[in-house]
């Protein structure tokens, strides 16, 4: 077994058995942001690099109040990607210890219709190797019961990493929200272990929207 394979196997195993890492904050869906609240209620302090979300735009916003400057998608929602200000988050934009990409979707009534939390694929390997665990933390945050999950099994194009394989989607509706958690940990046989897929995507929407 190569040193790289052995090291990554050890890292993944360690991440699996230490899943009780810092829990997600419980004040809101994310910090002081709650799905369903008015975007005007989100403070400007503590957030930086507000950028219209979308493949064809990099338009920067000076404050949340400029949300309507972002283009509306087919669902008439306008997306804003944002980061934490280092003055209020010394470690940068992290959720429960995981480097994250954050996006809010705003409806025509200037309310937050959805929030997406994605682990950052550009994070350093020692942080990215635990990305699939963020989904477990989110499930704990919204309660362990009532989830509907589907799990895929290893196949030709997706193989275990260090004896662990995760290809899972779970959803739950609670407190007027529908939460969808996607977790993935696997590698393609033609790629190196360092290029494994290891990620979590959490989408929180108003129930029924």
N, C-alpha and C. Protein backbone atom coordinates (compact mmCIF):
# COMPACT_ATOMS: atom_id res chain seq x y z
N UNK A 1 0.85 -1.19 0.00
CA UNK A 1 0.00 0.00 0.00
C UNK A 1 0.89 1.25 0.00
N UNK A 2 0.61 2.22 -0.88
CA UNK A 2 1.43 3.42 -0.96
C UNK A 2 1.25 4.26 0.29
N UNK A 3 2.27 5.12 0.56
CA UNK A 3 2.17 6.00 1.73
C UNK A 3 0.96 6.92 1.61
N UNK A 4 0.69 7.42 0.38
CA UNK A 4 -0.46 8.32 0.20
C UNK A 4 -1.77 7.61 0.49
N UNK A 5 -1.90 6.37 -0.04
CA UNK A 5 -3.13 5.61 0.19
C UNK A 5 -3.30 5.33 1.68
N UNK A 6 -2.21 4.94 2.34
CA UNK A 6 -2.28 4.64 3.76
C UNK A 6 -2.65 5.86 4.57
N UNK A 7 -2.06 7.02 4.20
CA UNK A 7 -2.35 8.25 4.94
C UNK A 7 -3.79 8.67 4.80
N UNK A 8 -4.31 8.61 3.56
CA UNK A 8 -5.69 9.03 3.33
C UNK A 8 -6.66 8.06 3.99
N UNK A 9 -6.33 6.76 3.95
CA UNK A 9 -7.20 5.80 4.63
C UNK A 9 -7.26 6.11 6.11
N UNK A 10 -6.11 6.42 6.70
CA UNK A 10 -6.09 6.76 8.11
C UNK A 10 -6.87 8.01 8.41
N UNK A 11 -6.76 9.02 7.54
CA UNK A 11 -7.47 10.28 7.75
C UNK A 11 -8.97 10.07 7.67
N UNK A 12 -9.42 9.31 6.68
CA UNK A 12 -10.86 9.07 6.53
C UNK A 12 -11.39 8.28 7.72
N UNK A 13 -10.63 7.25 8.15
CA UNK A 13 -11.08 6.48 9.30
C UNK A 13 -11.17 7.36 10.54
N UNK A 14 -10.17 8.20 10.74
CA UNK A 14 -10.18 9.09 11.90
C UNK A 14 -11.35 10.03 11.84
N UNK A 15 -11.65 10.55 10.64
CA UNK A 15 -12.78 11.46 10.49
C UNK A 15 -14.09 10.75 10.80
N UNK A 16 -14.17 9.47 10.42
CA UNK A 16 -15.41 8.72 10.63
C UNK A 16 -15.66 8.48 12.11
N UNK A 17 -14.61 8.10 12.84
CA UNK A 17 -14.81 7.76 14.24
C UNK A 17 -14.84 8.98 15.14
N UNK A 18 -14.54 10.17 14.59
CA UNK A 18 -14.61 11.40 15.39
C UNK A 18 -15.66 12.32 14.82
N UNK A 19 -16.80 11.76 14.45
CA UNK A 19 -17.86 12.55 13.83
C UNK A 19 -18.42 13.61 14.76
N UNK A 20 -18.19 13.46 16.06
CA UNK A 20 -18.72 14.43 17.01
C UNK A 20 -17.82 15.67 17.07
N UNK A 21 -17.65 16.29 15.91
CA UNK A 21 -16.90 17.53 15.83
C UNK A 21 -17.84 18.68 16.09
N UNK A 22 -17.36 19.96 16.14
CA UNK A 22 -18.23 21.06 16.54
C UNK A 22 -19.58 21.07 15.83
N UNK A 23 -20.64 21.20 16.56
CA UNK A 23 -21.98 21.19 15.99
C UNK A 23 -22.29 22.51 15.30
N UNK A 24 -23.29 22.47 14.42
CA UNK A 24 -23.72 23.70 13.75
C UNK A 24 -24.41 24.59 14.77
N UNK A 25 -24.24 25.90 14.60
CA UNK A 25 -24.89 26.85 15.50
C UNK A 25 -26.39 26.71 15.41
N UNK A 26 -27.08 26.96 16.51
CA UNK A 26 -28.52 26.73 16.55
C UNK A 26 -29.34 28.02 16.62
N UNK A 27 -28.68 29.18 16.58
CA UNK A 27 -29.43 30.43 16.68
C UNK A 27 -30.34 30.62 15.47
N UNK A 28 -29.86 30.28 14.29
CA UNK A 28 -30.64 30.39 13.06
C UNK A 28 -30.26 29.25 12.15
N UNK A 29 -30.74 29.30 10.91
CA UNK A 29 -30.31 28.29 9.96
C UNK A 29 -28.81 28.42 9.71
N UNK A 30 -28.32 29.65 9.76
CA UNK A 30 -26.90 29.91 9.64
C UNK A 30 -26.61 31.25 10.32
N UNK A 31 -25.90 31.20 11.42
CA UNK A 31 -25.65 32.42 12.19
C UNK A 31 -26.99 33.11 12.49
N UNK A 32 -27.12 34.38 12.04
CA UNK A 32 -28.38 35.10 12.27
C UNK A 32 -29.25 35.12 11.02
N UNK A 33 -29.02 34.18 10.12
CA UNK A 33 -29.81 34.08 8.89
C UNK A 33 -30.79 32.93 9.01
N UNK A 34 -32.07 33.22 8.74
CA UNK A 34 -33.11 32.21 8.75
C UNK A 34 -33.88 32.24 7.43
N UNK A 35 -34.15 31.07 6.88
CA UNK A 35 -34.99 30.99 5.69
C UNK A 35 -36.38 31.53 6.05
N UNK A 36 -36.91 32.40 5.21
CA UNK A 36 -38.21 33.01 5.44
C UNK A 36 -38.13 34.43 5.95
N UNK A 37 -36.97 34.85 6.47
CA UNK A 37 -36.85 36.20 7.00
C UNK A 37 -36.62 37.20 5.87
N UNK A 38 -36.90 38.47 6.14
CA UNK A 38 -36.65 39.53 5.16
C UNK A 38 -35.15 39.75 5.03
N UNK A 39 -34.68 39.94 3.82
CA UNK A 39 -33.25 40.16 3.61
C UNK A 39 -32.80 41.45 4.31
N UNK A 40 -33.73 42.38 4.50
CA UNK A 40 -33.40 43.63 5.18
C UNK A 40 -33.08 43.41 6.65
N UNK A 41 -33.45 42.24 7.18
CA UNK A 41 -33.18 41.95 8.59
C UNK A 41 -31.80 41.35 8.81
N UNK A 42 -31.12 41.01 7.72
CA UNK A 42 -29.77 40.46 7.84
C UNK A 42 -28.78 41.62 7.99
N UNK A 43 -27.99 41.66 9.03
CA UNK A 43 -27.06 42.78 9.20
C UNK A 43 -25.95 42.75 8.15
N UNK A 44 -25.48 43.93 7.77
CA UNK A 44 -24.35 44.00 6.85
C UNK A 44 -23.05 43.66 7.57
N UNK A 45 -22.97 44.02 8.83
CA UNK A 45 -21.77 43.73 9.61
C UNK A 45 -21.58 42.23 9.74
N UNK A 46 -20.37 41.77 9.52
CA UNK A 46 -20.06 40.35 9.67
C UNK A 46 -20.04 39.59 8.36
N UNK A 47 -20.47 40.24 7.28
CA UNK A 47 -20.53 39.57 5.97
C UNK A 47 -19.80 40.40 4.92
N UNK A 48 -19.05 39.73 4.06
CA UNK A 48 -18.28 40.44 3.03
C UNK A 48 -18.40 39.70 1.69
N UNK A 49 -17.86 40.34 0.66
CA UNK A 49 -17.79 39.75 -0.68
C UNK A 49 -19.14 39.24 -1.16
N UNK A 50 -20.16 40.08 -1.01
CA UNK A 50 -21.48 39.75 -1.53
C UNK A 50 -21.42 39.81 -3.06
N UNK A 51 -21.76 38.70 -3.70
CA UNK A 51 -21.64 38.59 -5.15
C UNK A 51 -22.87 37.91 -5.71
N UNK A 52 -23.42 38.43 -6.79
CA UNK A 52 -24.56 37.78 -7.43
C UNK A 52 -24.18 36.37 -7.85
N UNK A 53 -24.99 35.41 -7.51
CA UNK A 53 -24.71 34.02 -7.84
C UNK A 53 -25.16 33.71 -9.26
N UNK A 54 -24.42 32.88 -9.93
CA UNK A 54 -24.77 32.52 -11.29
C UNK A 54 -23.51 32.37 -12.14
N UNK A 55 -23.59 31.55 -13.16
CA UNK A 55 -22.42 31.28 -13.98
C UNK A 55 -22.00 32.48 -14.81
N UNK A 56 -22.91 33.36 -15.13
CA UNK A 56 -22.61 34.44 -16.06
C UNK A 56 -22.49 35.80 -15.39
N UNK A 57 -22.35 35.81 -14.07
CA UNK A 57 -22.23 37.10 -13.40
C UNK A 57 -21.25 37.04 -12.24
N UNK A 58 -20.52 38.12 -12.07
CA UNK A 58 -19.62 38.27 -10.91
C UNK A 58 -19.87 39.64 -10.28
N UNK A 59 -21.08 40.13 -10.44
CA UNK A 59 -21.43 41.46 -9.95
C UNK A 59 -21.34 41.53 -8.44
N UNK A 60 -20.58 42.47 -7.91
CA UNK A 60 -20.42 42.65 -6.48
C UNK A 60 -21.46 43.62 -5.94
N UNK A 61 -21.88 43.35 -4.71
CA UNK A 61 -22.82 44.21 -4.02
C UNK A 61 -22.15 44.82 -2.81
N UNK A 62 -22.47 46.06 -2.52
CA UNK A 62 -21.90 46.74 -1.36
C UNK A 62 -22.64 46.38 -0.08
N UNK A 63 -23.92 45.97 -0.22
CA UNK A 63 -24.73 45.64 0.94
C UNK A 63 -25.90 44.77 0.51
N UNK A 64 -26.56 44.13 1.48
CA UNK A 64 -27.69 43.25 1.18
C UNK A 64 -28.82 44.00 0.48
N UNK A 65 -28.96 45.29 0.80
CA UNK A 65 -30.07 46.08 0.24
C UNK A 65 -30.01 46.16 -1.29
N UNK A 66 -28.88 45.82 -1.89
CA UNK A 66 -28.75 45.87 -3.34
C UNK A 66 -29.12 44.53 -4.01
N UNK A 67 -29.79 43.66 -3.29
CA UNK A 67 -30.12 42.32 -3.78
C UNK A 67 -30.83 42.34 -5.14
N UNK A 68 -31.67 43.37 -5.36
CA UNK A 68 -32.45 43.40 -6.62
C UNK A 68 -31.57 43.68 -7.84
N UNK A 69 -30.29 44.04 -7.62
CA UNK A 69 -29.38 44.23 -8.74
C UNK A 69 -28.93 42.91 -9.35
N UNK A 70 -29.17 41.83 -8.65
CA UNK A 70 -28.79 40.51 -9.17
C UNK A 70 -29.88 40.00 -10.12
N UNK A 71 -29.49 39.27 -11.16
CA UNK A 71 -30.48 38.78 -12.12
C UNK A 71 -31.34 37.67 -11.51
N UNK A 72 -32.60 37.65 -11.89
CA UNK A 72 -33.51 36.60 -11.44
C UNK A 72 -33.34 35.36 -12.30
N UNK A 73 -33.42 34.21 -11.67
CA UNK A 73 -33.35 32.95 -12.40
C UNK A 73 -34.71 32.55 -12.92
N UNK A 74 -34.82 31.37 -13.55
CA UNK A 74 -36.10 30.88 -14.06
C UNK A 74 -37.17 30.78 -12.98
N UNK A 75 -36.75 30.56 -11.73
CA UNK A 75 -37.69 30.47 -10.61
C UNK A 75 -37.97 31.83 -9.99
N UNK A 76 -37.45 32.90 -10.63
CA UNK A 76 -37.62 34.29 -10.18
C UNK A 76 -36.91 34.58 -8.86
N UNK A 77 -36.00 33.73 -8.48
CA UNK A 77 -35.20 33.97 -7.28
C UNK A 77 -33.87 34.60 -7.68
N UNK A 78 -33.35 35.43 -6.80
CA UNK A 78 -32.07 36.09 -7.03
C UNK A 78 -31.07 35.59 -5.99
N UNK A 79 -29.92 35.12 -6.46
CA UNK A 79 -28.95 34.52 -5.57
C UNK A 79 -27.81 35.45 -5.22
N UNK A 80 -27.38 35.39 -3.96
CA UNK A 80 -26.22 36.14 -3.50
C UNK A 80 -25.28 35.19 -2.77
N UNK A 81 -24.06 35.11 -3.25
CA UNK A 81 -23.03 34.34 -2.56
C UNK A 81 -22.29 35.28 -1.61
N UNK A 82 -21.91 34.78 -0.45
CA UNK A 82 -21.31 35.67 0.55
C UNK A 82 -20.29 34.92 1.40
N UNK A 83 -19.48 35.70 2.11
CA UNK A 83 -18.47 35.14 3.01
C UNK A 83 -18.55 35.82 4.36
N UNK A 84 -17.89 35.23 5.33
CA UNK A 84 -17.81 35.83 6.66
C UNK A 84 -16.67 36.83 6.71
N UNK A 85 -16.89 37.92 7.40
CA UNK A 85 -15.83 38.90 7.63
C UNK A 85 -14.84 38.31 8.65
N UNK A 86 -13.57 38.40 8.34
CA UNK A 86 -12.55 37.84 9.23
C UNK A 86 -12.54 38.50 10.60
N UNK A 87 -13.13 39.69 10.70
CA UNK A 87 -13.18 40.36 12.00
C UNK A 87 -14.15 39.66 12.95
N UNK A 88 -15.10 38.93 12.39
CA UNK A 88 -16.05 38.21 13.23
C UNK A 88 -15.88 36.70 13.11
N UNK A 89 -15.04 36.26 12.20
CA UNK A 89 -14.77 34.83 12.02
C UNK A 89 -13.29 34.68 11.66
N UNK A 90 -12.46 34.49 12.65
CA UNK A 90 -11.02 34.47 12.44
C UNK A 90 -10.58 33.38 11.47
N UNK A 91 -11.29 32.26 11.47
CA UNK A 91 -10.88 31.14 10.61
C UNK A 91 -11.45 31.25 9.21
N UNK A 92 -12.18 32.32 8.92
CA UNK A 92 -12.75 32.49 7.59
C UNK A 92 -14.16 31.95 7.51
N UNK A 93 -14.60 31.68 6.30
CA UNK A 93 -15.98 31.23 6.07
C UNK A 93 -16.06 29.73 6.30
N UNK A 94 -16.39 29.37 7.53
CA UNK A 94 -16.48 27.96 7.91
C UNK A 94 -17.80 27.70 8.62
N UNK A 95 -18.36 26.52 8.39
CA UNK A 95 -19.59 26.09 9.06
C UNK A 95 -19.26 24.80 9.81
N UNK A 96 -19.39 24.84 11.12
CA UNK A 96 -19.10 23.68 11.96
C UNK A 96 -17.71 23.12 11.68
N UNK A 97 -16.75 24.00 11.44
CA UNK A 97 -15.38 23.57 11.22
C UNK A 97 -15.03 23.22 9.80
N UNK A 98 -15.97 23.40 8.86
CA UNK A 98 -15.74 23.05 7.46
C UNK A 98 -15.72 24.31 6.60
N UNK A 99 -14.68 24.52 5.79
CA UNK A 99 -14.69 25.63 4.83
C UNK A 99 -15.91 25.49 3.92
N UNK A 100 -16.65 26.59 3.73
CA UNK A 100 -17.93 26.48 3.05
C UNK A 100 -18.16 27.60 2.04
N UNK A 101 -19.01 27.27 1.06
CA UNK A 101 -19.50 28.23 0.08
C UNK A 101 -20.97 28.46 0.41
N UNK A 102 -21.35 29.72 0.60
CA UNK A 102 -22.68 30.07 1.12
C UNK A 102 -23.46 30.90 0.10
N UNK A 103 -24.73 30.57 -0.07
CA UNK A 103 -25.58 31.30 -1.01
C UNK A 103 -26.98 31.44 -0.45
N UNK A 104 -27.54 32.65 -0.52
CA UNK A 104 -28.96 32.84 -0.21
C UNK A 104 -29.72 33.14 -1.49
N UNK A 105 -30.96 32.68 -1.56
CA UNK A 105 -31.84 32.96 -2.68
C UNK A 105 -32.99 33.81 -2.18
N UNK A 106 -33.23 34.92 -2.88
CA UNK A 106 -34.20 35.91 -2.41
C UNK A 106 -35.36 36.00 -3.39
N UNK A 107 -36.59 36.02 -2.85
CA UNK A 107 -37.76 36.06 -3.72
C UNK A 107 -38.19 37.50 -4.02
N UNK A 108 -39.27 37.63 -4.76
CA UNK A 108 -39.74 38.95 -5.19
C UNK A 108 -40.24 39.81 -4.04
N UNK A 109 -40.53 39.18 -2.91
CA UNK A 109 -40.97 39.92 -1.73
C UNK A 109 -39.81 40.29 -0.81
N UNK A 110 -38.59 40.13 -1.32
CA UNK A 110 -37.38 40.46 -0.57
C UNK A 110 -37.20 39.60 0.67
N UNK A 111 -37.64 38.35 0.57
CA UNK A 111 -37.45 37.40 1.67
C UNK A 111 -36.55 36.25 1.22
N UNK A 112 -35.85 35.68 2.18
CA UNK A 112 -34.95 34.57 1.87
C UNK A 112 -35.77 33.31 1.64
N UNK A 113 -35.76 32.84 0.40
CA UNK A 113 -36.53 31.65 0.03
C UNK A 113 -35.72 30.37 0.24
N UNK A 114 -34.39 30.49 0.18
CA UNK A 114 -33.55 29.30 0.31
C UNK A 114 -32.15 29.70 0.74
N UNK A 115 -31.47 28.75 1.33
CA UNK A 115 -30.09 28.92 1.76
C UNK A 115 -29.34 27.64 1.38
N UNK A 116 -28.17 27.81 0.76
CA UNK A 116 -27.36 26.66 0.39
C UNK A 116 -25.99 26.75 1.06
N UNK A 117 -25.59 25.65 1.67
CA UNK A 117 -24.29 25.53 2.31
C UNK A 117 -23.56 24.37 1.63
N UNK A 118 -22.44 24.67 1.00
CA UNK A 118 -21.66 23.65 0.30
C UNK A 118 -20.24 23.63 0.84
N UNK A 119 -19.69 22.46 1.05
CA UNK A 119 -18.29 22.39 1.44
C UNK A 119 -17.43 22.85 0.27
N UNK A 120 -16.34 23.52 0.60
CA UNK A 120 -15.49 24.13 -0.42
C UNK A 120 -14.53 23.09 -1.02
N UNK A 121 -14.68 22.80 -2.32
CA UNK A 121 -13.81 21.79 -2.94
C UNK A 121 -12.35 22.24 -3.07
N UNK A 122 -12.09 23.52 -2.84
CA UNK A 122 -10.73 24.04 -2.95
C UNK A 122 -10.02 24.09 -1.59
N UNK A 123 -10.69 23.61 -0.55
CA UNK A 123 -10.07 23.60 0.77
C UNK A 123 -8.88 22.65 0.80
N UNK A 124 -7.99 22.86 1.74
CA UNK A 124 -6.85 21.98 1.88
C UNK A 124 -7.32 20.56 2.20
N UNK A 125 -6.54 19.59 1.74
CA UNK A 125 -6.94 18.19 1.87
C UNK A 125 -7.26 17.81 3.31
N UNK A 126 -6.46 18.27 4.27
CA UNK A 126 -6.69 17.85 5.66
C UNK A 126 -8.02 18.35 6.19
N UNK A 127 -8.58 19.41 5.60
CA UNK A 127 -9.92 19.88 5.96
C UNK A 127 -10.98 19.25 5.07
N UNK A 128 -10.67 19.15 3.78
CA UNK A 128 -11.65 18.62 2.82
C UNK A 128 -11.96 17.15 3.06
N UNK A 129 -11.03 16.40 3.64
CA UNK A 129 -11.22 14.97 3.86
C UNK A 129 -12.40 14.69 4.79
N UNK A 130 -12.82 15.69 5.56
CA UNK A 130 -13.93 15.50 6.49
C UNK A 130 -15.23 16.10 5.96
N UNK A 131 -15.23 16.55 4.72
CA UNK A 131 -16.39 17.30 4.21
C UNK A 131 -17.69 16.50 4.29
N UNK A 132 -17.62 15.18 4.09
CA UNK A 132 -18.84 14.38 4.11
C UNK A 132 -19.48 14.34 5.49
N UNK A 133 -18.73 14.71 6.54
CA UNK A 133 -19.27 14.69 7.89
C UNK A 133 -20.18 15.88 8.19
N UNK A 134 -20.06 16.96 7.41
CA UNK A 134 -20.91 18.12 7.67
C UNK A 134 -22.38 17.76 7.57
N UNK A 135 -22.72 16.85 6.67
CA UNK A 135 -24.11 16.43 6.54
C UNK A 135 -24.64 15.78 7.80
N UNK A 136 -23.79 15.03 8.50
CA UNK A 136 -24.22 14.42 9.76
C UNK A 136 -24.47 15.48 10.82
N UNK A 137 -23.64 16.50 10.83
CA UNK A 137 -23.83 17.59 11.78
C UNK A 137 -25.13 18.33 11.49
N UNK A 138 -25.44 18.51 10.22
CA UNK A 138 -26.69 19.18 9.85
C UNK A 138 -27.89 18.35 10.26
N UNK A 139 -27.81 17.05 10.08
CA UNK A 139 -28.91 16.18 10.49
C UNK A 139 -29.14 16.28 11.99
N UNK A 140 -28.07 16.35 12.75
CA UNK A 140 -28.19 16.51 14.19
C UNK A 140 -28.82 17.85 14.54
N UNK A 141 -28.44 18.88 13.79
CA UNK A 141 -28.96 20.23 14.02
C UNK A 141 -30.47 20.28 13.87
N UNK A 142 -31.02 19.56 12.89
CA UNK A 142 -32.46 19.60 12.63
C UNK A 142 -33.20 18.39 13.20
N UNK A 143 -32.52 17.61 14.03
CA UNK A 143 -33.17 16.48 14.70
C UNK A 143 -32.93 15.19 13.95
N UNK A 144 -32.59 14.13 14.66
CA UNK A 144 -32.21 12.87 14.03
C UNK A 144 -33.40 12.12 13.43
N UNK A 145 -34.61 12.37 13.90
CA UNK A 145 -35.78 11.61 13.44
C UNK A 145 -36.44 12.27 12.23
N UNK A 146 -37.13 11.45 11.46
CA UNK A 146 -37.98 11.96 10.38
C UNK A 146 -37.32 12.16 9.03
N UNK A 147 -36.08 11.71 8.88
CA UNK A 147 -35.38 11.88 7.60
C UNK A 147 -35.75 10.76 6.64
N UNK A 148 -35.90 11.11 5.39
CA UNK A 148 -36.09 10.13 4.32
C UNK A 148 -34.81 10.11 3.51
N UNK A 149 -34.13 8.97 3.45
CA UNK A 149 -32.80 8.90 2.82
C UNK A 149 -32.75 7.85 1.73
N UNK A 150 -31.95 8.13 0.73
CA UNK A 150 -31.64 7.15 -0.30
C UNK A 150 -30.13 7.02 -0.37
N UNK A 151 -29.66 5.78 -0.51
CA UNK A 151 -28.22 5.51 -0.51
C UNK A 151 -27.86 4.67 -1.72
N UNK A 152 -26.85 5.10 -2.45
CA UNK A 152 -26.33 4.31 -3.56
C UNK A 152 -25.21 3.42 -3.05
N UNK A 153 -24.92 2.38 -3.80
CA UNK A 153 -23.86 1.44 -3.45
C UNK A 153 -22.67 1.62 -4.40
N UNK A 154 -21.47 1.21 -3.97
CA UNK A 154 -20.31 1.32 -4.86
C UNK A 154 -20.57 0.63 -6.19
N UNK A 155 -20.12 1.25 -7.26
CA UNK A 155 -20.27 0.70 -8.60
C UNK A 155 -18.97 0.95 -9.35
N UNK A 156 -18.96 0.61 -10.63
CA UNK A 156 -17.73 0.70 -11.40
C UNK A 156 -17.08 2.06 -11.39
N UNK A 157 -17.88 3.13 -11.45
CA UNK A 157 -17.32 4.47 -11.51
C UNK A 157 -17.12 5.13 -10.17
N UNK A 158 -17.58 4.48 -9.10
CA UNK A 158 -17.47 5.04 -7.76
C UNK A 158 -17.01 3.94 -6.81
N UNK A 159 -15.88 4.19 -6.16
CA UNK A 159 -15.31 3.19 -5.28
C UNK A 159 -15.08 3.75 -3.89
N UNK A 160 -14.87 2.86 -2.94
CA UNK A 160 -14.63 3.25 -1.55
C UNK A 160 -13.34 4.04 -1.42
N UNK A 161 -13.29 4.85 -0.36
CA UNK A 161 -12.07 5.56 0.01
C UNK A 161 -11.71 5.13 1.42
N UNK A 162 -10.59 4.44 1.58
CA UNK A 162 -10.20 3.98 2.90
C UNK A 162 -11.24 3.09 3.55
N UNK A 163 -11.94 2.32 2.74
CA UNK A 163 -12.96 1.42 3.27
C UNK A 163 -14.29 2.08 3.56
N UNK A 164 -14.44 3.36 3.20
CA UNK A 164 -15.68 4.10 3.45
C UNK A 164 -16.27 4.56 2.12
N UNK A 165 -17.59 4.41 1.97
CA UNK A 165 -18.29 4.86 0.77
C UNK A 165 -19.58 5.55 1.20
N UNK A 166 -19.78 6.77 0.71
CA UNK A 166 -21.00 7.52 1.02
C UNK A 166 -21.53 8.14 -0.27
N UNK A 167 -22.76 7.86 -0.60
CA UNK A 167 -23.44 8.47 -1.76
C UNK A 167 -24.92 8.56 -1.36
N UNK A 168 -25.25 9.61 -0.62
CA UNK A 168 -26.51 9.65 0.12
C UNK A 168 -27.23 10.99 -0.06
N UNK A 169 -28.54 10.92 -0.14
CA UNK A 169 -29.39 12.11 -0.14
C UNK A 169 -30.48 11.91 0.90
N UNK A 170 -30.61 12.87 1.82
CA UNK A 170 -31.64 12.81 2.86
C UNK A 170 -32.46 14.09 2.85
N UNK A 171 -33.74 13.98 3.15
CA UNK A 171 -34.60 15.16 3.20
C UNK A 171 -35.57 15.06 4.38
N UNK A 172 -35.98 16.23 4.82
CA UNK A 172 -36.88 16.31 5.96
C UNK A 172 -37.58 17.65 5.93
N UNK A 173 -38.85 17.67 6.31
CA UNK A 173 -39.59 18.92 6.44
C UNK A 173 -39.87 19.16 7.92
N UNK A 174 -39.46 20.34 8.40
CA UNK A 174 -39.62 20.66 9.81
C UNK A 174 -39.67 22.17 9.99
N UNK A 175 -40.53 22.64 10.86
CA UNK A 175 -40.63 24.06 11.20
C UNK A 175 -40.76 24.94 9.95
N UNK A 176 -41.56 24.48 8.98
CA UNK A 176 -41.80 25.28 7.79
C UNK A 176 -40.66 25.29 6.79
N UNK A 177 -39.70 24.37 6.98
CA UNK A 177 -38.55 24.27 6.08
C UNK A 177 -38.43 22.86 5.52
N UNK A 178 -37.97 22.76 4.31
CA UNK A 178 -37.56 21.48 3.76
C UNK A 178 -36.05 21.49 3.65
N UNK A 179 -35.41 20.55 4.32
CA UNK A 179 -33.95 20.47 4.35
C UNK A 179 -33.52 19.26 3.53
N UNK A 180 -32.64 19.48 2.58
CA UNK A 180 -32.09 18.40 1.76
C UNK A 180 -30.58 18.36 1.98
N UNK A 181 -30.08 17.20 2.35
CA UNK A 181 -28.65 17.03 2.62
C UNK A 181 -28.08 15.97 1.68
N UNK A 182 -27.11 16.36 0.89
CA UNK A 182 -26.43 15.44 -0.02
C UNK A 182 -25.00 15.23 0.47
N UNK A 183 -24.61 13.98 0.64
CA UNK A 183 -23.26 13.66 1.12
C UNK A 183 -22.60 12.67 0.16
N UNK A 184 -21.34 12.92 -0.13
CA UNK A 184 -20.62 12.06 -1.05
C UNK A 184 -19.19 11.84 -0.58
N UNK A 185 -18.76 10.60 -0.57
CA UNK A 185 -17.36 10.26 -0.36
C UNK A 185 -17.06 9.02 -1.20
N UNK A 186 -16.33 9.20 -2.26
CA UNK A 186 -15.93 8.09 -3.13
C UNK A 186 -14.82 8.57 -4.06
N UNK A 187 -14.25 7.67 -4.78
CA UNK A 187 -13.26 8.05 -5.78
C UNK A 187 -13.52 7.28 -7.06
N UNK A 188 -13.17 7.88 -8.16
CA UNK A 188 -13.25 7.22 -9.44
C UNK A 188 -11.97 6.42 -9.66
N UNK A 189 -12.08 5.24 -10.24
CA UNK A 189 -10.90 4.35 -10.33
C UNK A 189 -9.75 4.92 -11.14
N UNK A 190 -10.03 5.85 -12.04
CA UNK A 190 -8.96 6.42 -12.88
C UNK A 190 -8.37 7.70 -12.30
N UNK A 191 -8.73 8.03 -11.06
CA UNK A 191 -8.22 9.24 -10.44
C UNK A 191 -7.40 8.89 -9.19
N UNK A 192 -6.48 9.79 -8.83
CA UNK A 192 -5.70 9.59 -7.63
C UNK A 192 -6.57 9.82 -6.40
N UNK A 193 -6.13 9.26 -5.29
CA UNK A 193 -6.91 9.39 -4.06
C UNK A 193 -7.09 10.85 -3.64
N UNK A 194 -6.08 11.67 -3.89
CA UNK A 194 -6.20 13.08 -3.51
C UNK A 194 -7.29 13.80 -4.29
N UNK A 195 -7.73 13.21 -5.40
CA UNK A 195 -8.79 13.80 -6.22
C UNK A 195 -10.15 13.16 -5.96
N UNK A 196 -10.27 12.53 -4.80
CA UNK A 196 -11.54 11.89 -4.43
C UNK A 196 -12.67 12.92 -4.34
N UNK A 197 -13.88 12.45 -4.48
CA UNK A 197 -15.06 13.28 -4.24
C UNK A 197 -15.41 13.17 -2.76
N UNK A 198 -15.39 14.30 -2.08
CA UNK A 198 -15.66 14.33 -0.64
C UNK A 198 -16.37 15.64 -0.37
N UNK A 199 -17.71 15.60 -0.18
CA UNK A 199 -18.46 16.85 -0.13
C UNK A 199 -19.80 16.69 0.56
N UNK A 200 -20.32 17.81 1.01
CA UNK A 200 -21.68 17.92 1.52
C UNK A 200 -22.34 19.14 0.91
N UNK A 201 -23.59 19.01 0.55
CA UNK A 201 -24.39 20.15 0.09
C UNK A 201 -25.69 20.14 0.89
N UNK A 202 -25.97 21.25 1.56
CA UNK A 202 -27.18 21.39 2.37
C UNK A 202 -28.04 22.49 1.76
N UNK A 203 -29.27 22.15 1.43
CA UNK A 203 -30.20 23.14 0.87
C UNK A 203 -31.41 23.25 1.80
N UNK A 204 -31.68 24.46 2.25
CA UNK A 204 -32.80 24.71 3.16
C UNK A 204 -33.77 25.63 2.43
N UNK A 205 -35.01 25.17 2.25
CA UNK A 205 -36.02 25.96 1.53
C UNK A 205 -37.28 26.08 2.38
N UNK A 206 -38.04 27.10 2.08
CA UNK A 206 -39.36 27.17 2.70
C UNK A 206 -40.18 25.99 2.23
N UNK A 207 -40.83 25.33 3.12
CA UNK A 207 -41.64 24.16 2.76
C UNK A 207 -42.70 24.55 1.74
N UNK A 208 -42.79 23.74 0.70
CA UNK A 208 -43.78 24.00 -0.35
C UNK A 208 -43.31 24.87 -1.46
N UNK A 209 -42.10 25.45 -1.34
CA UNK A 209 -41.60 26.32 -2.40
C UNK A 209 -40.66 25.58 -3.32
